[in-house]
Amino acid sequence: MVCVEYGHPLILQEKKRQELNKGEVRIRTRYAGINYADSLAWIGKYQEKAKLPFSPGLEVSGEIIECNGCKNRHVGDRVYCIFSSSGGYSEECVVDESRCFVIPDSIPFEVISSLGINFCTASLGLNVVGNMKKGDLVTITGAAGGTGLAASELSIMTGNETVCIVRGTAQKEYLTTFM
């Protein structure tokens, strides 16, 4: 999927296969996370404006199908990857091996593919911006969304009393399946 003009629908477009630099891997994408940051990118409102045309997508799960001089990753590894800017909405994507995390066979691709950005965002908000400490009373707004669920879990795991705010009965019922 490619963004050719900010604010317009993504289009399916054939791309030339990118050459690998030393230390990079080619991933066969199985699942790509769809995050708020991705939607901001394709409307041109993300903090780092990608040069057009570009393929959005900050995180994927898949298998490594090619390596170039890599030390820690190998063809066949099942991985979760976080991109520095974009590129995940592709059948294949290229990323530095340092951005790939091996995942065990017991974790399905579809489960892991959208955890990183949500948990990194939640951790940044709670720990860096909010200076959360054990024993705090923590309020999470939008608790039924990806980042809200992650923030709720992190707060509870830290041992905090956590108040989760959602909009409506359906979101409340959804949230209770996780808590």
C-alpha atoms as a PDB file:
ATOM      1  CA  MET A   1       0.000   0.000   0.000  1.00  0.00           C
ATOM      2  CA  VAL A   2       1.385   3.360  -1.002  1.00  0.00           C
ATOM      3  CA  CYS A   3       0.553   6.934  -0.101  1.00  0.00           C
ATOM      4  CA  VAL A   4       1.027   9.021  -3.246  1.00  0.00           C
ATOM      5  CA  GLU A   5      -0.785  12.121  -1.981  1.00  0.00           C
ATOM      6  CA  TYR A   6      -1.366  13.176   1.621  1.00  0.00           C
ATOM      7  CA  GLY A   7      -4.962  12.891   2.761  1.00  0.00           C
ATOM      8  CA  HIS A   8      -6.041  10.573  -0.055  1.00  0.00           C
ATOM      9  CA  PRO A   9      -6.726   6.813   0.064  1.00  0.00           C
ATOM     10  CA  LEU A  10      -3.747   4.476  -0.077  1.00  0.00           C
ATOM     11  CA  ILE A  11      -3.323   2.658  -3.374  1.00  0.00           C
ATOM     12  CA  LEU A  12      -2.002  -0.762  -4.262  1.00  0.00           C
ATOM     13  CA  GLN A  13       1.147  -0.216  -6.296  1.00  0.00           C
ATOM     14  CA  GLU A  14       3.997  -2.420  -7.478  1.00  0.00           C
ATOM     15  CA  LYS A  15       7.349  -1.286  -6.085  1.00  0.00           C
ATOM     16  CA  LYS A  16      10.846  -2.032  -7.300  1.00  0.00           C
ATOM     17  CA  ARG A  17      12.544  -4.513  -4.995  1.00  0.00           C
ATOM     18  CA  GLN A  18      14.889  -2.625  -2.686  1.00  0.00           C
ATOM     19  CA  GLU A  19      18.546  -3.683  -2.500  1.00  0.00           C
ATOM     20  CA  LEU A  20      19.865  -4.686   0.921  1.00  0.00           C
ATOM     21  CA  ASN A  21      22.665  -2.738   2.564  1.00  0.00           C
ATOM     22  CA  LYS A  22      25.053  -4.521   4.922  1.00  0.00           C
ATOM     23  CA  GLY A  23      23.280  -5.445   8.159  1.00  0.00           C
ATOM     24  CA  GLU A  24      19.792  -5.316   6.630  1.00  0.00           C
ATOM     25  CA  VAL A  25      17.192  -8.050   6.272  1.00  0.00           C
ATOM     26  CA  ARG A  26      14.255  -8.567   3.926  1.00  0.00           C
ATOM     27  CA  ILE A  27      11.055  -9.585   5.691  1.00  0.00           C
ATOM     28  CA  ARG A  28       8.044 -11.330   4.164  1.00  0.00           C
ATOM     29  CA  THR A  29       5.280  -9.421   5.918  1.00  0.00           C
ATOM     30  CA  ARG A  30       2.623 -11.586   7.549  1.00  0.00           C
ATOM     31  CA  TYR A  31       0.830  -8.872   9.539  1.00  0.00           C
ATOM     32  CA  ALA A  32       1.272  -5.122   9.874  1.00  0.00           C
ATOM     33  CA  GLY A  33       0.093  -3.114  12.855  1.00  0.00           C
ATOM     34  CA  ILE A  34      -2.284  -0.280  12.063  1.00  0.00           C
ATOM     35  CA  ASN A  35      -1.594   2.574  14.439  1.00  0.00           C
ATOM     36  CA  TYR A  36      -2.779   6.110  14.945  1.00  0.00           C
ATOM     37  CA  ALA A  37       0.695   7.297  13.904  1.00  0.00           C
ATOM     38  CA  ASP A  38       0.272   5.493  10.559  1.00  0.00           C
ATOM     39  CA  SER A  39      -2.994   7.294   9.866  1.00  0.00           C
ATOM     40  CA  LEU A  40      -1.341  10.618  10.767  1.00  0.00           C
ATOM     41  CA  ALA A  41       1.497   9.804   8.352  1.00  0.00           C
ATOM     42  CA  TRP A  42      -0.753   9.222   5.348  1.00  0.00           C
ATOM     43  CA  ILE A  43      -2.655  12.466   5.926  1.00  0.00           C
ATOM     44  CA  GLY A  44       0.638  14.349   6.303  1.00  0.00           C
ATOM     45  CA  LYS A  45       0.208  15.226  10.001  1.00  0.00           C
ATOM     46  CA  TYR A  46       2.791  12.943  11.623  1.00  0.00           C
ATOM     47  CA  GLN A  47       5.730  14.611  13.395  1.00  0.00           C
ATOM     48  CA  GLU A  48       8.143  13.306  10.745  1.00  0.00           C
ATOM     49  CA  LYS A  49       6.662  13.903   7.304  1.00  0.00           C
ATOM     50  CA  ALA A  50       7.589  11.063   4.939  1.00  0.00           C
ATOM     51  CA  LYS A  51       8.644  11.925   1.403  1.00  0.00           C
ATOM     52  CA  LEU A  52       5.995  10.964  -1.165  1.00  0.00           C
ATOM     53  CA  PRO A  53       5.379   8.310  -2.351  1.00  0.00           C
ATOM     54  CA  PHE A  54       5.813   6.080   0.705  1.00  0.00           C
ATOM     55  CA  SER A  55       4.393   2.950   2.271  1.00  0.00           C
ATOM     56  CA  PRO A  56       3.084   3.611   5.794  1.00  0.00           C
ATOM     57  CA  GLY A  57       3.451   1.079   8.576  1.00  0.00           C
ATOM     58  CA  LEU A  58       5.611   1.343  11.687  1.00  0.00           C
ATOM     59  CA  GLU A  59       5.549  -2.309  12.726  1.00  0.00           C
ATOM     60  CA  VAL A  60       5.232  -5.753  11.154  1.00  0.00           C
ATOM     61  CA  SER A  61       5.593  -9.413  11.947  1.00  0.00           C
ATOM     62  CA  GLY A  62       6.896 -11.932   9.436  1.00  0.00           C
ATOM     63  CA  GLU A  63       9.832 -14.107   8.386  1.00  0.00           C
ATOM     64  CA  ILE A  64      13.279 -13.099   7.274  1.00  0.00           C
ATOM     65  CA  ILE A  65      13.746 -14.224   3.673  1.00  0.00           C
ATOM     66  CA  GLU A  66      17.114 -12.577   2.952  1.00  0.00           C
ATOM     67  CA  CYS A  67      20.054 -11.191   4.951  1.00  0.00           C
ATOM     68  CA  ASN A  68      23.087  -9.145   3.962  1.00  0.00           C
ATOM     69  CA  GLY A  69      26.031  -9.496   6.326  1.00  0.00           C
ATOM     70  CA  CYS A  70      23.877  -9.836   9.438  1.00  0.00           C
ATOM     71  CA  LYS A  71      25.364 -11.008  12.727  1.00  0.00           C
ATOM     72  CA  ASN A  72      22.265 -11.765  14.787  1.00  0.00           C
ATOM     73  CA  ARG A  73      19.433 -12.495  12.368  1.00  0.00           C
ATOM     74  CA  HIS A  74      19.071 -15.356   9.911  1.00  0.00           C
ATOM     75  CA  VAL A  75      16.896 -16.439   7.004  1.00  0.00           C
ATOM     76  CA  GLY A  76      13.852 -18.206   8.446  1.00  0.00           C
ATOM     77  CA  ASP A  77      13.747 -16.241  11.720  1.00  0.00           C
ATOM     78  CA  ARG A  78      10.222 -15.284  12.795  1.00  0.00           C
ATOM     79  CA  VAL A  79      10.467 -11.619  13.721  1.00  0.00           C
ATOM     80  CA  TYR A  80       8.636  -8.544  14.913  1.00  0.00           C
ATOM     81  CA  CYS A  81      10.066  -5.284  13.507  1.00  0.00           C
ATOM     82  CA  ILE A  82       9.707  -1.628  14.382  1.00  0.00           C
ATOM     83  CA  PHE A  83      10.533   0.842  11.616  1.00  0.00           C
ATOM     84  CA  SER A  84      12.159   4.219  12.130  1.00  0.00           C
ATOM     85  CA  SER A  85       9.641   5.981   9.897  1.00  0.00           C
ATOM     86  CA  SER A  86       7.484   3.779   7.649  1.00  0.00           C
ATOM     87  CA  GLY A  87       7.465   0.901   5.187  1.00  0.00           C
ATOM     88  CA  GLY A  88       5.461  -1.870   6.797  1.00  0.00           C
ATOM     89  CA  TYR A  89       2.420  -1.883   4.516  1.00  0.00           C
ATOM     90  CA  SER A  90       4.275  -3.961   1.923  1.00  0.00           C
ATOM     91  CA  GLU A  91       4.446  -7.637   1.022  1.00  0.00           C
ATOM     92  CA  GLU A  92       8.178  -7.429   1.688  1.00  0.00           C
ATOM     93  CA  CYS A  93      10.069  -4.813   3.632  1.00  0.00           C
ATOM     94  CA  VAL A  94      13.703  -4.033   4.342  1.00  0.00           C
ATOM     95  CA  VAL A  95      14.938  -3.066   7.788  1.00  0.00           C
ATOM     96  CA  ASP A  96      18.180  -3.013   9.766  1.00  0.00           C
ATOM     97  CA  GLU A  97      18.616  -6.243  11.710  1.00  0.00           C
ATOM     98  CA  SER A  98      18.782  -4.264  14.981  1.00  0.00           C
ATOM     99  CA  ARG A  99      15.098  -3.404  14.568  1.00  0.00           C
ATOM    100  CA  CYS A 100      14.064  -7.087  14.391  1.00  0.00           C
ATOM    101  CA  PHE A 101      13.115  -9.075  17.457  1.00  0.00           C
ATOM    102  CA  VAL A 102      12.880 -12.859  17.183  1.00  0.00           C
ATOM    103  CA  ILE A 103       9.507 -14.181  18.286  1.00  0.00           C
ATOM    104  CA  PRO A 104       8.862 -17.726  19.496  1.00  0.00           C
ATOM    105  CA  ASP A 105       6.685 -20.110  17.504  1.00  0.00           C
ATOM    106  CA  SER A 106       4.128 -20.028  20.345  1.00  0.00           C
ATOM    107  CA  ILE A 107       3.228 -16.381  19.617  1.00  0.00           C
ATOM    108  CA  PRO A 108       1.084 -15.957  16.492  1.00  0.00           C
ATOM    109  CA  PHE A 109       2.135 -13.272  13.994  1.00  0.00           C
ATOM    110  CA  GLU A 110      -1.241 -11.527  14.289  1.00  0.00           C
ATOM    111  CA  VAL A 111      -0.891 -11.149  18.070  1.00  0.00           C
ATOM    112  CA  ILE A 112       2.573  -9.608  18.109  1.00  0.00           C
ATOM    113  CA  SER A 113       2.178  -7.334  15.072  1.00  0.00           C
ATOM    114  CA  SER A 114       0.699  -4.354  16.915  1.00  0.00           C
ATOM    115  CA  LEU A 115       2.065  -4.628  20.441  1.00  0.00           C
ATOM    116  CA  GLY A 116       5.312  -2.665  20.186  1.00  0.00           C
ATOM    117  CA  ILE A 117       4.100   0.779  19.237  1.00  0.00           C
ATOM    118  CA  ASN A 118       1.202   0.592  21.710  1.00  0.00           C
ATOM    119  CA  PHE A 119       3.376  -0.531  24.622  1.00  0.00           C
ATOM    120  CA  CYS A 120       6.225   1.883  23.786  1.00  0.00           C
ATOM    121  CA  THR A 121       3.774   4.789  23.607  1.00  0.00           C
ATOM    122  CA  ALA A 122       2.063   3.735  26.846  1.00  0.00           C
ATOM    123  CA  SER A 123       5.384   3.268  28.657  1.00  0.00           C
ATOM    124  CA  LEU A 124       6.650   6.653  27.476  1.00  0.00           C
ATOM    125  CA  GLY A 125       3.469   8.360  28.668  1.00  0.00           C
ATOM    126  CA  LEU A 126       3.305   6.618  32.029  1.00  0.00           C
ATOM    127  CA  ASN A 127       6.967   6.398  32.972  1.00  0.00           C
ATOM    128  CA  VAL A 128       8.736   9.283  31.245  1.00  0.00           C
ATOM    129  CA  VAL A 129       6.037  11.947  31.017  1.00  0.00           C
ATOM    130  CA  GLY A 130       3.865  10.839  33.952  1.00  0.00           C
ATOM    131  CA  ASN A 131       6.698   9.634  36.234  1.00  0.00           C
ATOM    132  CA  MET A 132       4.513   6.727  37.407  1.00  0.00           C
ATOM    133  CA  LYS A 133       5.571   4.995  40.624  1.00  0.00           C
ATOM    134  CA  LYS A 134       4.257   1.919  42.425  1.00  0.00           C
ATOM    135  CA  GLY A 135       1.294   2.853  44.586  1.00  0.00           C
ATOM    136  CA  ASP A 136       0.076   5.702  42.361  1.00  0.00           C
ATOM    137  CA  LEU A 137      -3.561   6.141  41.445  1.00  0.00           C
ATOM    138  CA  VAL A 138      -3.481   6.081  37.629  1.00  0.00           C
ATOM    139  CA  THR A 139      -6.306   7.143  35.328  1.00  0.00           C
ATOM    140  CA  ILE A 140      -6.268   5.858  31.744  1.00  0.00           C
ATOM    141  CA  THR A 141      -8.560   7.571  29.249  1.00  0.00           C
ATOM    142  CA  GLY A 142      -9.381   5.720  26.039  1.00  0.00           C
ATOM    143  CA  ALA A 143      -8.613   2.494  27.871  1.00  0.00           C
ATOM    144  CA  ALA A 144     -10.299   0.231  25.285  1.00  0.00           C
ATOM    145  CA  GLY A 145      -7.929   1.229  22.465  1.00  0.00           C
ATOM    146  CA  GLY A 146      -4.540  -0.346  21.762  1.00  0.00           C
ATOM    147  CA  THR A 147      -2.431   2.174  23.678  1.00  0.00           C
ATOM    148  CA  GLY A 148      -5.062   2.470  26.411  1.00  0.00           C
ATOM    149  CA  LEU A 149      -5.077  -1.303  26.945  1.00  0.00           C
ATOM    150  CA  ALA A 150      -1.277  -1.317  27.062  1.00  0.00           C
ATOM    151  CA  ALA A 151      -1.221   1.582  29.546  1.00  0.00           C
ATOM    152  CA  SER A 152      -3.796  -0.144  31.738  1.00  0.00           C
ATOM    153  CA  GLU A 153      -1.796  -3.371  31.768  1.00  0.00           C
ATOM    154  CA  LEU A 154       1.477  -1.582  32.556  1.00  0.00           C
ATOM    155  CA  SER A 155      -0.119   0.379  35.384  1.00  0.00           C
ATOM    156  CA  ILE A 156      -1.738  -2.700  36.920  1.00  0.00           C
ATOM    157  CA  MET A 157       1.491  -4.732  36.549  1.00  0.00           C
ATOM    158  CA  THR A 158       3.318  -1.972  38.445  1.00  0.00           C
ATOM    159  CA  GLY A 159       0.913  -2.472  41.346  1.00  0.00           C
ATOM    160  CA  ASN A 160      -1.117   0.682  40.915  1.00  0.00           C
ATOM    161  CA  GLU A 161      -4.782   1.285  41.477  1.00  0.00           C
ATOM    162  CA  THR A 162      -5.908   1.926  37.911  1.00  0.00           C
ATOM    163  CA  VAL A 163      -9.069   3.683  36.778  1.00  0.00           C
ATOM    164  CA  CYS A 164      -9.954   2.903  33.164  1.00  0.00           C
ATOM    165  CA  ILE A 165     -12.193   5.336  31.301  1.00  0.00           C
ATOM    166  CA  VAL A 166     -14.051   4.187  28.193  1.00  0.00           C
ATOM    167  CA  ARG A 167     -16.938   5.444  26.098  1.00  0.00           C
ATOM    168  CA  GLY A 168     -20.074   3.354  26.411  1.00  0.00           C
ATOM    169  CA  THR A 169     -21.158  -0.092  27.491  1.00  0.00           C
ATOM    170  CA  ALA A 170     -19.664  -1.944  24.516  1.00  0.00           C
ATOM    171  CA  GLN A 171     -16.173  -0.610  25.260  1.00  0.00           C
ATOM    172  CA  LYS A 172     -16.612  -1.377  28.956  1.00  0.00           C
ATOM    173  CA  GLU A 173     -17.549  -4.975  28.168  1.00  0.00           C
ATOM    174  CA  TYR A 174     -14.614  -5.235  25.719  1.00  0.00           C
ATOM    175  CA  LEU A 175     -12.204  -3.891  28.333  1.00  0.00           C
ATOM    176  CA  THR A 176     -13.380  -6.344  30.987  1.00  0.00           C
ATOM    177  CA  THR A 177     -12.343  -9.263  28.748  1.00  0.00           C
ATOM    178  CA  PHE A 178      -8.730  -8.104  29.220  1.00  0.00           C
ATOM    179  CA  MET A 179      -8.757  -7.116  32.889  1.00  0.00           C
END
